[in-house]
Amino acid sequence: MKKFLILVFAILLAVPTLTGCSIRINNYENKLYSEKDINKNIKVGSIQDNILTREKAMAKALDIFDKGFNIKLNRENLNESVRIIRKAEKDILYWNITWTSINTKKMYNCVIDTSNGKIKSISLYNPNEENKGEKVEYILKEKDILSVVNPLFKALKINPNNYHINDGGIAYGYMVQNQVFNFKNKRDDKEDITIIVNCNNKAITSFFINTYEN
């Protein structure tokens, strides 16, 4: 439980850092990273063949915000940051994609495994909600959270019946009251999912797949 709470607060603290990293890149300046661009950072023989290119990763992220959150992002109106991050101990590379609205400063972040295209995490941040951190009496129940996560799980092809739902309680981030849920995989004890929901608007603000080693 202690490790889980540490992870939750790490996710909450990561959002402002990501917003500070976004830079403006015009669409015509975007280039495809080739297999060589990615492989030069990886030990020989340690990467899978099905590498996800930069543009495919961005298309996947845009699609998941559309289908999973009903948010259609227009890149012409967004600041854009796209970079590769590494999980060094496993030689795993991830696309870390962040879009920030020029007008509203809302932030949308998606992290995707370059080797298999699997989405590792999704975060949404709305600075306009920072002053709406009033406590709410209504707390989501299991049936409520299933209704909230259904579009995202459907888009990610995740079957909620394969998971036990644990309520991690209330956590505060950026003056906003959040409720944390941990989906424990019934079949695989090396993987679970953390979902953070804004209690004020009952919207997902963070999705994170956790993997564990023996």
N, C-alpha and C. Protein backbone atom coordinates (compact mmCIF):
# COMPACT_ATOMS: atom_id res chain seq x y z
N MET A 1 0.83 -1.20 0.00
CA MET A 1 0.00 0.00 0.00
C MET A 1 0.86 1.25 0.00
N LYS A 2 1.99 1.21 0.76
CA LYS A 2 2.89 2.36 0.82
C LYS A 2 3.45 2.67 -0.56
N LYS A 3 3.88 1.61 -1.29
CA LYS A 3 4.43 1.81 -2.63
C LYS A 3 3.37 2.40 -3.56
N PHE A 4 2.11 1.94 -3.39
CA PHE A 4 1.02 2.43 -4.22
C PHE A 4 0.78 3.92 -4.00
N LEU A 5 0.79 4.35 -2.72
CA LEU A 5 0.57 5.76 -2.42
C LEU A 5 1.71 6.63 -2.94
N ILE A 6 2.95 6.11 -2.83
CA ILE A 6 4.10 6.83 -3.36
C ILE A 6 3.95 7.03 -4.86
N LEU A 7 3.49 5.97 -5.56
CA LEU A 7 3.29 6.04 -7.01
C LEU A 7 2.23 7.08 -7.36
N VAL A 8 1.14 7.10 -6.60
CA VAL A 8 0.06 8.05 -6.87
C VAL A 8 0.55 9.48 -6.77
N PHE A 9 1.28 9.79 -5.71
CA PHE A 9 1.76 11.16 -5.54
C PHE A 9 2.82 11.50 -6.56
N ALA A 10 3.58 10.50 -7.01
CA ALA A 10 4.58 10.74 -8.06
C ALA A 10 3.88 11.13 -9.36
N ILE A 11 2.75 10.47 -9.65
CA ILE A 11 1.97 10.80 -10.85
C ILE A 11 1.42 12.21 -10.76
N LEU A 12 0.89 12.57 -9.58
CA LEU A 12 0.32 13.90 -9.40
C LEU A 12 1.36 14.99 -9.53
N LEU A 13 2.56 14.73 -9.01
CA LEU A 13 3.63 15.73 -9.05
C LEU A 13 4.25 15.87 -10.42
N ALA A 14 4.07 14.87 -11.29
CA ALA A 14 4.72 14.89 -12.60
C ALA A 14 4.08 15.86 -13.57
N VAL A 15 2.83 16.20 -13.38
CA VAL A 15 2.10 16.99 -14.37
C VAL A 15 2.68 18.38 -14.58
N PRO A 16 2.97 19.19 -13.52
CA PRO A 16 3.53 20.52 -13.77
C PRO A 16 4.86 20.46 -14.48
N THR A 17 5.66 19.43 -14.18
CA THR A 17 6.95 19.27 -14.83
C THR A 17 6.77 19.09 -16.32
N LEU A 18 5.78 18.29 -16.70
CA LEU A 18 5.53 18.04 -18.11
C LEU A 18 5.06 19.30 -18.81
N THR A 19 4.24 20.11 -18.13
CA THR A 19 3.75 21.33 -18.76
C THR A 19 4.87 22.30 -19.02
N GLY A 20 5.88 22.27 -18.17
CA GLY A 20 6.99 23.19 -18.34
C GLY A 20 7.94 22.79 -19.43
N CYS A 21 7.80 21.57 -19.94
CA CYS A 21 8.72 21.06 -20.95
C CYS A 21 8.21 21.26 -22.37
N SER A 22 6.95 21.67 -22.53
CA SER A 22 6.38 21.75 -23.88
C SER A 22 6.99 22.90 -24.65
N ILE A 23 7.24 22.67 -25.93
CA ILE A 23 7.78 23.69 -26.81
C ILE A 23 6.97 23.71 -28.09
N ARG A 24 6.99 24.84 -28.76
CA ARG A 24 6.20 24.98 -29.98
C ARG A 24 6.95 24.38 -31.16
N ILE A 25 6.32 23.43 -31.83
CA ILE A 25 6.90 22.83 -33.02
C ILE A 25 5.83 22.86 -34.11
N ASN A 26 6.07 23.54 -35.20
CA ASN A 26 5.10 23.57 -36.29
C ASN A 26 5.01 22.21 -36.95
N ASN A 27 3.84 21.89 -37.48
CA ASN A 27 3.63 20.58 -38.07
C ASN A 27 4.61 20.29 -39.19
N TYR A 28 4.93 21.29 -40.01
CA TYR A 28 5.81 21.04 -41.14
C TYR A 28 7.24 20.74 -40.71
N GLU A 29 7.57 21.06 -39.44
CA GLU A 29 8.91 20.79 -38.95
C GLU A 29 9.04 19.37 -38.38
N ASN A 30 7.89 18.71 -38.20
CA ASN A 30 7.93 17.36 -37.64
C ASN A 30 8.60 16.41 -38.60
N LYS A 31 9.41 15.49 -38.07
CA LYS A 31 10.04 14.49 -38.92
C LYS A 31 9.83 13.12 -38.32
N LEU A 32 9.84 12.11 -39.16
CA LEU A 32 9.73 10.74 -38.69
C LEU A 32 11.07 10.28 -38.15
N TYR A 33 11.05 9.71 -36.96
CA TYR A 33 12.25 9.07 -36.46
C TYR A 33 12.32 7.68 -37.08
N SER A 34 13.46 7.32 -37.61
CA SER A 34 13.61 6.02 -38.24
C SER A 34 14.01 4.98 -37.20
N GLU A 35 14.01 3.73 -37.60
CA GLU A 35 14.44 2.66 -36.71
C GLU A 35 15.87 2.90 -36.25
N LYS A 36 16.68 3.47 -37.12
CA LYS A 36 18.07 3.75 -36.77
C LYS A 36 18.15 4.80 -35.66
N ASP A 37 17.29 5.81 -35.71
CA ASP A 37 17.29 6.86 -34.70
C ASP A 37 17.03 6.29 -33.31
N ILE A 38 16.14 5.31 -33.24
CA ILE A 38 15.82 4.71 -31.96
C ILE A 38 16.88 3.69 -31.55
N ASN A 39 17.30 2.88 -32.50
CA ASN A 39 18.23 1.80 -32.19
C ASN A 39 19.59 2.28 -31.72
N LYS A 40 20.00 3.48 -32.08
CA LYS A 40 21.33 3.94 -31.69
C LYS A 40 21.45 4.11 -30.18
N ASN A 41 20.30 4.15 -29.49
CA ASN A 41 20.31 4.29 -28.04
C ASN A 41 20.12 2.95 -27.32
N ILE A 42 20.07 1.86 -28.07
CA ILE A 42 19.76 0.56 -27.50
C ILE A 42 20.87 -0.44 -27.78
N LYS A 43 21.09 -1.31 -26.81
CA LYS A 43 22.10 -2.35 -27.00
C LYS A 43 21.69 -3.28 -28.14
N VAL A 44 22.66 -3.79 -28.86
CA VAL A 44 22.40 -4.67 -30.00
C VAL A 44 21.62 -5.89 -29.55
N GLY A 45 20.54 -6.20 -30.27
CA GLY A 45 19.76 -7.40 -30.00
C GLY A 45 18.77 -7.27 -28.87
N SER A 46 18.67 -6.08 -28.26
CA SER A 46 17.81 -5.97 -27.09
C SER A 46 16.46 -5.31 -27.39
N ILE A 47 16.24 -4.93 -28.64
CA ILE A 47 14.98 -4.26 -28.99
C ILE A 47 14.18 -5.11 -29.96
N GLN A 48 12.86 -5.04 -29.83
CA GLN A 48 12.00 -5.81 -30.72
C GLN A 48 11.96 -5.17 -32.10
N ASP A 49 11.49 -5.94 -33.07
CA ASP A 49 11.49 -5.48 -34.46
C ASP A 49 10.36 -4.49 -34.77
N ASN A 50 9.24 -4.63 -34.06
CA ASN A 50 8.06 -3.82 -34.41
C ASN A 50 8.13 -2.46 -33.73
N ILE A 51 9.02 -1.60 -34.21
CA ILE A 51 9.23 -0.30 -33.61
C ILE A 51 8.14 0.68 -34.04
N LEU A 52 7.64 1.44 -33.08
CA LEU A 52 6.61 2.44 -33.34
C LEU A 52 7.29 3.77 -33.68
N THR A 53 7.04 4.27 -34.89
CA THR A 53 7.65 5.53 -35.30
C THR A 53 6.98 6.71 -34.60
N ARG A 54 7.62 7.84 -34.70
CA ARG A 54 7.14 9.06 -34.03
C ARG A 54 5.74 9.43 -34.48
N GLU A 55 5.51 9.49 -35.78
CA GLU A 55 4.20 9.90 -36.28
C GLU A 55 3.11 8.90 -35.93
N LYS A 56 3.44 7.61 -35.96
CA LYS A 56 2.45 6.60 -35.58
C LYS A 56 2.10 6.72 -34.10
N ALA A 57 3.10 7.03 -33.29
CA ALA A 57 2.86 7.21 -31.86
C ALA A 57 1.95 8.41 -31.61
N MET A 58 2.20 9.49 -32.33
CA MET A 58 1.37 10.68 -32.18
C MET A 58 -0.07 10.42 -32.64
N ALA A 59 -0.21 9.69 -33.74
CA ALA A 59 -1.54 9.34 -34.23
C ALA A 59 -2.28 8.48 -33.20
N LYS A 60 -1.55 7.57 -32.56
CA LYS A 60 -2.15 6.69 -31.56
C LYS A 60 -2.61 7.50 -30.35
N ALA A 61 -1.78 8.46 -29.93
CA ALA A 61 -2.14 9.30 -28.79
C ALA A 61 -3.37 10.16 -29.10
N LEU A 62 -3.40 10.76 -30.27
CA LEU A 62 -4.56 11.56 -30.67
C LEU A 62 -5.83 10.72 -30.70
N ASP A 63 -5.70 9.49 -31.18
CA ASP A 63 -6.85 8.58 -31.28
C ASP A 63 -7.38 8.20 -29.90
N ILE A 64 -6.47 7.98 -28.93
CA ILE A 64 -6.92 7.56 -27.61
C ILE A 64 -7.60 8.71 -26.87
N PHE A 65 -7.14 9.95 -27.08
CA PHE A 65 -7.83 11.08 -26.47
C PHE A 65 -9.22 11.26 -27.10
N ASP A 66 -9.33 10.97 -28.38
CA ASP A 66 -10.61 11.07 -29.07
C ASP A 66 -11.58 10.00 -28.59
N LYS A 67 -11.16 8.74 -28.68
CA LYS A 67 -12.06 7.63 -28.37
C LYS A 67 -12.21 7.37 -26.87
N GLY A 68 -11.14 7.61 -26.11
CA GLY A 68 -11.19 7.31 -24.68
C GLY A 68 -11.71 8.45 -23.82
N PHE A 69 -11.57 9.70 -24.32
CA PHE A 69 -11.97 10.86 -23.52
C PHE A 69 -12.93 11.80 -24.27
N ASN A 70 -13.22 11.47 -25.53
CA ASN A 70 -14.06 12.33 -26.37
C ASN A 70 -13.45 13.73 -26.50
N ILE A 71 -12.12 13.77 -26.63
CA ILE A 71 -11.40 15.03 -26.80
C ILE A 71 -10.70 15.00 -28.16
N LYS A 72 -11.10 15.89 -29.03
CA LYS A 72 -10.49 15.96 -30.36
C LYS A 72 -9.45 17.09 -30.34
N LEU A 73 -8.19 16.71 -30.41
CA LEU A 73 -7.10 17.69 -30.34
C LEU A 73 -6.71 18.18 -31.73
N ASN A 74 -6.60 19.48 -31.87
CA ASN A 74 -6.15 20.10 -33.11
C ASN A 74 -4.72 20.58 -32.90
N ARG A 75 -3.77 19.94 -33.54
CA ARG A 75 -2.36 20.24 -33.30
C ARG A 75 -1.99 21.67 -33.69
N GLU A 76 -2.77 22.29 -34.55
CA GLU A 76 -2.50 23.67 -34.94
C GLU A 76 -2.68 24.64 -33.77
N ASN A 77 -3.47 24.23 -32.78
CA ASN A 77 -3.76 25.10 -31.64
C ASN A 77 -3.02 24.67 -30.38
N LEU A 78 -2.00 23.85 -30.55
CA LEU A 78 -1.32 23.26 -29.39
C LEU A 78 0.18 23.47 -29.45
N ASN A 79 0.78 23.66 -28.28
CA ASN A 79 2.22 23.51 -28.16
C ASN A 79 2.51 22.02 -28.08
N GLU A 80 3.61 21.60 -28.61
CA GLU A 80 3.87 20.17 -28.79
C GLU A 80 5.28 19.80 -28.32
N SER A 81 5.36 18.78 -27.50
CA SER A 81 6.65 18.25 -27.07
C SER A 81 6.65 16.75 -27.28
N VAL A 82 7.61 16.26 -28.05
CA VAL A 82 7.72 14.82 -28.32
C VAL A 82 9.16 14.40 -28.06
N ARG A 83 9.34 13.48 -27.16
CA ARG A 83 10.70 13.04 -26.86
C ARG A 83 10.71 11.56 -26.49
N ILE A 84 11.87 10.97 -26.54
CA ILE A 84 12.04 9.57 -26.16
C ILE A 84 12.61 9.51 -24.76
N ILE A 85 11.99 8.69 -23.90
CA ILE A 85 12.52 8.46 -22.57
C ILE A 85 12.84 6.98 -22.43
N ARG A 86 13.76 6.66 -21.54
CA ARG A 86 14.25 5.29 -21.43
C ARG A 86 14.03 4.72 -20.03
N LYS A 87 13.61 3.46 -19.99
CA LYS A 87 13.63 2.69 -18.76
C LYS A 87 14.92 1.89 -18.81
N ALA A 88 15.95 2.44 -18.22
CA ALA A 88 17.32 1.98 -18.45
C ALA A 88 17.54 0.52 -18.09
N GLU A 89 16.99 0.08 -16.97
CA GLU A 89 17.29 -1.27 -16.52
C GLU A 89 16.75 -2.34 -17.45
N LYS A 90 15.76 -1.98 -18.27
CA LYS A 90 15.17 -2.94 -19.20
C LYS A 90 15.46 -2.58 -20.65
N ASP A 91 16.18 -1.48 -20.87
CA ASP A 91 16.41 -0.99 -22.23
C ASP A 91 15.10 -0.82 -22.99
N ILE A 92 14.12 -0.25 -22.29
CA ILE A 92 12.83 0.02 -22.91
C ILE A 92 12.74 1.51 -23.21
N LEU A 93 12.32 1.85 -24.42
CA LEU A 93 12.15 3.24 -24.80
C LEU A 93 10.66 3.57 -24.92
N TYR A 94 10.31 4.77 -24.50
CA TYR A 94 8.92 5.23 -24.58
C TYR A 94 8.86 6.56 -25.32
N TRP A 95 7.81 6.73 -26.11
CA TRP A 95 7.49 8.04 -26.65
C TRP A 95 6.75 8.80 -25.56
N ASN A 96 7.23 9.98 -25.19
CA ASN A 96 6.57 10.84 -24.21
C ASN A 96 6.03 12.05 -24.98
N ILE A 97 4.72 12.08 -25.18
CA ILE A 97 4.08 13.09 -26.03
C ILE A 97 3.22 14.01 -25.17
N THR A 98 3.47 15.30 -25.26
CA THR A 98 2.71 16.28 -24.49
C THR A 98 2.19 17.38 -25.40
N TRP A 99 0.90 17.64 -25.32
CA TRP A 99 0.29 18.77 -26.01
C TRP A 99 -0.26 19.73 -24.97
N THR A 100 -0.03 21.02 -25.17
CA THR A 100 -0.55 22.04 -24.27
C THR A 100 -1.32 23.07 -25.07
N SER A 101 -2.56 23.32 -24.69
CA SER A 101 -3.39 24.29 -25.39
C SER A 101 -2.79 25.69 -25.27
N ILE A 102 -2.65 26.37 -26.40
CA ILE A 102 -2.10 27.72 -26.40
C ILE A 102 -3.03 28.68 -25.66
N ASN A 103 -4.34 28.47 -25.78
CA ASN A 103 -5.32 29.38 -25.20
C ASN A 103 -5.68 29.05 -23.76
N THR A 104 -5.96 27.77 -23.48
CA THR A 104 -6.46 27.40 -22.15
C THR A 104 -5.38 26.85 -21.23
N LYS A 105 -4.22 26.50 -21.79
CA LYS A 105 -3.10 25.91 -21.03
C LYS A 105 -3.42 24.51 -20.51
N LYS A 106 -4.51 23.91 -20.99
CA LYS A 106 -4.78 22.52 -20.63
C LYS A 106 -3.68 21.63 -21.21
N MET A 107 -3.31 20.60 -20.47
CA MET A 107 -2.22 19.73 -20.89
C MET A 107 -2.73 18.30 -21.10
N TYR A 108 -2.21 17.65 -22.15
CA TYR A 108 -2.57 16.28 -22.48
C TYR A 108 -1.27 15.52 -22.71
N ASN A 109 -1.05 14.47 -21.93
CA ASN A 109 0.21 13.72 -22.03
C ASN A 109 -0.08 12.24 -22.24
N CYS A 110 0.72 11.61 -23.10
CA CYS A 110 0.58 10.17 -23.36
C CYS A 110 1.97 9.57 -23.51
N VAL A 111 2.21 8.46 -22.82
CA VAL A 111 3.49 7.76 -22.89
C VAL A 111 3.24 6.38 -23.51
N ILE A 112 3.99 6.07 -24.58
CA ILE A 112 3.75 4.85 -25.36
C ILE A 112 5.04 4.07 -25.54
N ASP A 113 4.99 2.76 -25.33
CA ASP A 113 6.13 1.87 -25.54
C ASP A 113 6.48 1.84 -27.03
N THR A 114 7.74 2.15 -27.37
CA THR A 114 8.14 2.19 -28.78
C THR A 114 8.19 0.81 -29.41
N SER A 115 8.33 -0.24 -28.61
CA SER A 115 8.53 -1.58 -29.17
C SER A 115 7.23 -2.29 -29.52
N ASN A 116 6.15 -1.98 -28.79
CA ASN A 116 4.91 -2.70 -29.04
C ASN A 116 3.68 -1.79 -29.19
N GLY A 117 3.87 -0.48 -29.03
CA GLY A 117 2.76 0.44 -29.19
C GLY A 117 1.79 0.48 -28.02
N LYS A 118 2.13 -0.17 -26.91
CA LYS A 118 1.23 -0.21 -25.76
C LYS A 118 1.31 1.10 -24.98
N ILE A 119 0.16 1.65 -24.65
CA ILE A 119 0.12 2.90 -23.89
C ILE A 119 0.44 2.62 -22.43
N LYS A 120 1.44 3.33 -21.92
CA LYS A 120 1.89 3.15 -20.54
C LYS A 120 1.14 4.07 -19.58
N SER A 121 0.93 5.32 -20.00
CA SER A 121 0.24 6.26 -19.13
C SER A 121 -0.42 7.37 -19.92
N ILE A 122 -1.44 7.97 -19.31
CA ILE A 122 -2.15 9.11 -19.88
C ILE A 122 -2.43 10.08 -18.74
N SER A 123 -2.19 11.37 -18.98
CA SER A 123 -2.47 12.38 -17.96
C SER A 123 -3.14 13.58 -18.61
N LEU A 124 -4.09 14.16 -17.89
CA LEU A 124 -4.74 15.38 -18.32
C LEU A 124 -4.67 16.39 -17.18
N TYR A 125 -4.35 17.63 -17.52
CA TYR A 125 -4.21 18.65 -16.49
C TYR A 125 -4.90 19.92 -16.94
N ASN A 126 -5.79 20.45 -16.09
CA ASN A 126 -6.51 21.67 -16.39
C ASN A 126 -6.23 22.70 -15.30
N PRO A 127 -5.39 23.70 -15.58
CA PRO A 127 -5.04 24.69 -14.55
C PRO A 127 -6.23 25.50 -14.07
N ASN A 128 -7.28 25.56 -14.87
CA ASN A 128 -8.47 26.32 -14.49
C ASN A 128 -9.24 25.68 -13.35
N GLU A 129 -8.89 24.42 -13.03
CA GLU A 129 -9.59 23.72 -11.96
C GLU A 129 -8.88 23.88 -10.63
N GLU A 130 -7.73 24.53 -10.62
CA GLU A 130 -6.95 24.63 -9.39
C GLU A 130 -7.67 25.39 -8.29
N ASN A 131 -8.56 26.30 -8.66
CA ASN A 131 -9.29 27.07 -7.66
C ASN A 131 -10.64 26.45 -7.33
N LYS A 132 -10.85 25.23 -7.83
CA LYS A 132 -12.12 24.54 -7.57
C LYS A 132 -11.87 23.31 -6.71
N GLY A 133 -11.04 23.48 -5.72
CA GLY A 133 -10.65 22.35 -4.89
C GLY A 133 -11.53 22.13 -3.69
N GLU A 134 -12.76 22.64 -3.73
CA GLU A 134 -13.66 22.46 -2.61
C GLU A 134 -13.95 20.98 -2.41
N LYS A 135 -14.12 20.60 -1.16
CA LYS A 135 -14.40 19.20 -0.87
C LYS A 135 -15.81 18.85 -1.34
N VAL A 136 -15.97 17.65 -1.82
CA VAL A 136 -17.28 17.19 -2.25
C VAL A 136 -17.69 15.99 -1.41
N GLU A 137 -18.99 15.90 -1.17
CA GLU A 137 -19.49 14.81 -0.34
C GLU A 137 -19.63 13.52 -1.13
N TYR A 138 -19.89 13.66 -2.42
CA TYR A 138 -20.15 12.49 -3.24
C TYR A 138 -18.85 11.77 -3.59
N ILE A 139 -18.79 10.49 -3.27
CA ILE A 139 -17.63 9.68 -3.58
C ILE A 139 -18.05 8.58 -4.55
N LEU A 140 -17.25 8.35 -5.57
CA LEU A 140 -17.59 7.35 -6.58
C LEU A 140 -17.57 5.94 -5.99
N LYS A 141 -18.58 5.16 -6.34
CA LYS A 141 -18.65 3.75 -5.97
C LYS A 141 -18.13 2.92 -7.14
N GLU A 142 -18.06 1.59 -6.94
CA GLU A 142 -17.51 0.71 -7.97
C GLU A 142 -18.29 0.82 -9.28
N LYS A 143 -19.62 0.82 -9.20
CA LYS A 143 -20.41 0.90 -10.43
C LYS A 143 -20.21 2.24 -11.13
N ASP A 144 -19.97 3.29 -10.32
CA ASP A 144 -19.74 4.61 -10.90
C ASP A 144 -18.42 4.67 -11.64
N ILE A 145 -17.37 4.12 -11.03
CA ILE A 145 -16.05 4.18 -11.66
C ILE A 145 -16.02 3.35 -12.93
N LEU A 146 -16.76 2.25 -12.94
CA LEU A 146 -16.82 1.43 -14.16
C LEU A 146 -17.45 2.22 -15.30
N SER A 147 -18.46 3.02 -14.98
CA SER A 147 -19.09 3.86 -16.00
C SER A 147 -18.12 4.93 -16.50
N VAL A 148 -17.31 5.47 -15.60
CA VAL A 148 -16.35 6.52 -15.96
C VAL A 148 -15.24 5.97 -16.86
N VAL A 149 -14.72 4.78 -16.52
CA VAL A 149 -13.56 4.25 -17.25
C VAL A 149 -13.94 3.48 -18.50
N ASN A 150 -15.23 3.17 -18.68
CA ASN A 150 -15.63 2.31 -19.79
C ASN A 150 -15.16 2.79 -21.16
N PRO A 151 -15.33 4.07 -21.53
CA PRO A 151 -14.86 4.50 -22.86
C PRO A 151 -13.35 4.32 -23.04
N LEU A 152 -12.58 4.65 -22.00
CA LEU A 152 -11.12 4.51 -22.09
C LEU A 152 -10.72 3.05 -22.17
N PHE A 153 -11.30 2.21 -21.32
CA PHE A 153 -10.97 0.78 -21.35
C PHE A 153 -11.35 0.16 -22.68
N LYS A 154 -12.48 0.58 -23.22
CA LYS A 154 -12.91 0.05 -24.52
C LYS A 154 -11.92 0.45 -25.61
N ALA A 155 -11.46 1.70 -25.58
CA ALA A 155 -10.49 2.17 -26.58
C ALA A 155 -9.16 1.45 -26.45
N LEU A 156 -8.78 1.10 -25.21
CA LEU A 156 -7.52 0.41 -24.97
C LEU A 156 -7.65 -1.11 -25.03
N LYS A 157 -8.87 -1.58 -25.27
CA LYS A 157 -9.17 -3.02 -25.33
C LYS A 157 -8.82 -3.71 -24.02
N ILE A 158 -9.21 -3.07 -22.92
CA ILE A 158 -9.02 -3.62 -21.58
C ILE A 158 -10.37 -4.12 -21.07
N ASN A 159 -10.42 -5.36 -20.62
CA ASN A 159 -11.64 -5.93 -20.08
C ASN A 159 -11.68 -5.70 -18.56
N PRO A 160 -12.58 -4.85 -18.07
CA PRO A 160 -12.62 -4.56 -16.63
C PRO A 160 -12.95 -5.78 -15.78
N ASN A 161 -13.56 -6.81 -16.39
CA ASN A 161 -13.88 -8.03 -15.65
C ASN A 161 -12.64 -8.80 -15.23
N ASN A 162 -11.51 -8.46 -15.83
CA ASN A 162 -10.25 -9.13 -15.48
C ASN A 162 -9.55 -8.48 -14.29
N TYR A 163 -10.22 -7.51 -13.66
CA TYR A 163 -9.58 -6.74 -12.60
C TYR A 163 -10.45 -6.64 -11.35
N HIS A 164 -9.80 -6.67 -10.19
CA HIS A 164 -10.44 -6.30 -8.94
C HIS A 164 -10.25 -4.80 -8.76
N ILE A 165 -11.26 -4.11 -8.24
CA ILE A 165 -11.15 -2.66 -8.04
C ILE A 165 -10.95 -2.36 -6.56
N ASN A 166 -9.86 -1.66 -6.25
CA ASN A 166 -9.59 -1.22 -4.90
C ASN A 166 -9.66 0.30 -4.84
N ASP A 167 -10.40 0.81 -3.88
CA ASP A 167 -10.50 2.26 -3.70
C ASP A 167 -9.31 2.73 -2.88
N GLY A 168 -8.46 3.53 -3.52
CA GLY A 168 -7.26 4.02 -2.82
C GLY A 168 -7.51 5.26 -1.99
N GLY A 169 -8.76 5.74 -1.97
CA GLY A 169 -9.10 6.89 -1.15
C GLY A 169 -8.92 8.20 -1.88
N ILE A 170 -8.91 9.27 -1.09
CA ILE A 170 -8.84 10.63 -1.63
C ILE A 170 -7.41 11.13 -1.60
N ALA A 171 -7.02 11.81 -2.68
CA ALA A 171 -5.70 12.44 -2.74
C ALA A 171 -5.87 13.82 -3.34
N TYR A 172 -5.09 14.77 -2.83
CA TYR A 172 -5.17 16.14 -3.36
C TYR A 172 -3.98 16.43 -4.25
N GLY A 173 -4.25 17.02 -5.42
CA GLY A 173 -3.18 17.45 -6.31
C GLY A 173 -3.58 18.74 -6.98
N TYR A 174 -2.73 19.77 -6.84
CA TYR A 174 -2.99 21.07 -7.48
C TYR A 174 -4.33 21.65 -7.02
N MET A 175 -4.62 21.52 -5.72
CA MET A 175 -5.82 22.10 -5.13
C MET A 175 -7.10 21.44 -5.64
N VAL A 176 -6.98 20.27 -6.20
CA VAL A 176 -8.15 19.56 -6.71
C VAL A 176 -8.29 18.24 -5.95
N GLN A 177 -9.52 17.93 -5.55
CA GLN A 177 -9.77 16.68 -4.84
C GLN A 177 -9.90 15.55 -5.85
N ASN A 178 -9.10 14.51 -5.67
CA ASN A 178 -9.10 13.36 -6.57
C ASN A 178 -9.43 12.09 -5.80
N GLN A 179 -9.97 11.13 -6.53
CA GLN A 179 -10.18 9.80 -5.96
C GLN A 179 -9.34 8.81 -6.75
N VAL A 180 -8.65 7.95 -6.02
CA VAL A 180 -7.70 7.02 -6.64
C VAL A 180 -8.27 5.61 -6.63
N PHE A 181 -8.18 4.94 -7.78
CA PHE A 181 -8.63 3.55 -7.88
C PHE A 181 -7.49 2.70 -8.43
N ASN A 182 -7.33 1.53 -7.83
CA ASN A 182 -6.31 0.59 -8.29
C ASN A 182 -7.02 -0.65 -8.82
N PHE A 183 -6.78 -0.96 -10.10
CA PHE A 183 -7.36 -2.15 -10.73
C PHE A 183 -6.32 -3.26 -10.70
N LYS A 184 -6.55 -4.24 -9.83
CA LYS A 184 -5.61 -5.36 -9.67
C LYS A 184 -5.96 -6.47 -10.66
N ASN A 185 -4.98 -6.84 -11.46
CA ASN A 185 -5.18 -7.88 -12.46
C ASN A 185 -5.40 -9.23 -11.79
N LYS A 186 -6.53 -9.89 -12.11
CA LYS A 186 -6.85 -11.18 -11.49
C LYS A 186 -5.94 -12.30 -11.99
N ARG A 187 -5.40 -12.13 -13.20
CA ARG A 187 -4.63 -13.21 -13.83
C ARG A 187 -3.13 -12.97 -13.81
N ASP A 188 -2.74 -11.73 -13.59
CA ASP A 188 -1.31 -11.40 -13.66
C ASP A 188 -0.96 -10.47 -12.50
N ASP A 189 -0.25 -11.03 -11.50
CA ASP A 189 0.09 -10.22 -10.33
C ASP A 189 1.26 -9.28 -10.59
N LYS A 190 1.78 -9.28 -11.82
CA LYS A 190 2.88 -8.38 -12.17
C LYS A 190 2.39 -7.10 -12.83
N GLU A 191 1.08 -6.96 -12.94
CA GLU A 191 0.53 -5.77 -13.60
C GLU A 191 -0.76 -5.32 -12.94
N ASP A 192 -0.89 -4.02 -12.74
CA ASP A 192 -2.17 -3.45 -12.35
C ASP A 192 -2.28 -2.05 -12.95
N ILE A 193 -3.43 -1.43 -12.75
CA ILE A 193 -3.71 -0.13 -13.36
C ILE A 193 -4.14 0.85 -12.28
N THR A 194 -3.58 2.04 -12.31
CA THR A 194 -4.00 3.12 -11.42
C THR A 194 -4.80 4.14 -12.22
N ILE A 195 -5.98 4.47 -11.69
CA ILE A 195 -6.84 5.48 -12.30
C ILE A 195 -7.08 6.58 -11.27
N ILE A 196 -6.88 7.84 -11.65
CA ILE A 196 -7.18 8.97 -10.77
C ILE A 196 -8.31 9.77 -11.39
N VAL A 197 -9.34 10.03 -10.58
CA VAL A 197 -10.54 10.70 -11.07
C VAL A 197 -10.75 12.00 -10.30
N ASN A 198 -11.03 13.08 -11.02
CA ASN A 198 -11.37 14.36 -10.42
C ASN A 198 -12.76 14.24 -9.79
N CYS A 199 -12.84 14.45 -8.48
CA CYS A 199 -14.12 14.28 -7.79
C CYS A 199 -15.14 15.35 -8.16
N ASN A 200 -14.68 16.49 -8.63
CA ASN A 200 -15.60 17.59 -8.94
C ASN A 200 -16.36 17.35 -10.24
N ASN A 201 -15.66 16.84 -11.25
CA ASN A 201 -16.35 16.63 -12.54
C ASN A 201 -16.42 15.16 -12.94
N LYS A 202 -15.92 14.27 -12.05
CA LYS A 202 -15.97 12.82 -12.29
C LYS A 202 -15.32 12.45 -13.62
N ALA A 203 -14.19 13.07 -13.90
CA ALA A 203 -13.44 12.80 -15.13
C ALA A 203 -12.07 12.24 -14.79
N ILE A 204 -11.59 11.32 -15.63
CA ILE A 204 -10.27 10.73 -15.43
C ILE A 204 -9.20 11.79 -15.68
N THR A 205 -8.26 11.90 -14.75
CA THR A 205 -7.13 12.81 -14.94
C THR A 205 -5.82 12.05 -15.15
N SER A 206 -5.77 10.80 -14.70
CA SER A 206 -4.55 10.00 -14.90
C SER A 206 -4.89 8.53 -15.07
N PHE A 207 -4.15 7.89 -15.97
CA PHE A 207 -4.21 6.44 -16.19
C PHE A 207 -2.77 5.97 -16.24
N PHE A 208 -2.47 4.92 -15.48
CA PHE A 208 -1.09 4.45 -15.44
C PHE A 208 -1.05 2.94 -15.27
N ILE A 209 -0.31 2.26 -16.14
CA ILE A 209 -0.12 0.81 -16.00
C ILE A 209 1.14 0.57 -15.19
N ASN A 210 0.99 -0.15 -14.08
CA ASN A 210 2.12 -0.47 -13.22
C ASN A 210 2.57 -1.90 -13.47
N THR A 211 3.86 -2.10 -13.62
CA THR A 211 4.40 -3.45 -13.78
C THR A 211 5.39 -3.72 -12.66
N TYR A 212 5.40 -4.96 -12.20
CA TYR A 212 6.24 -5.34 -11.07
C TYR A 212 7.09 -6.55 -11.44
N GLU A 213 8.26 -6.62 -10.84
CA GLU A 213 9.16 -7.75 -11.04
C GLU A 213 9.16 -8.59 -9.78
N ASN A 214 9.47 -9.88 -9.95
CA ASN A 214 9.57 -10.76 -8.78
C ASN A 214 10.80 -10.42 -7.96
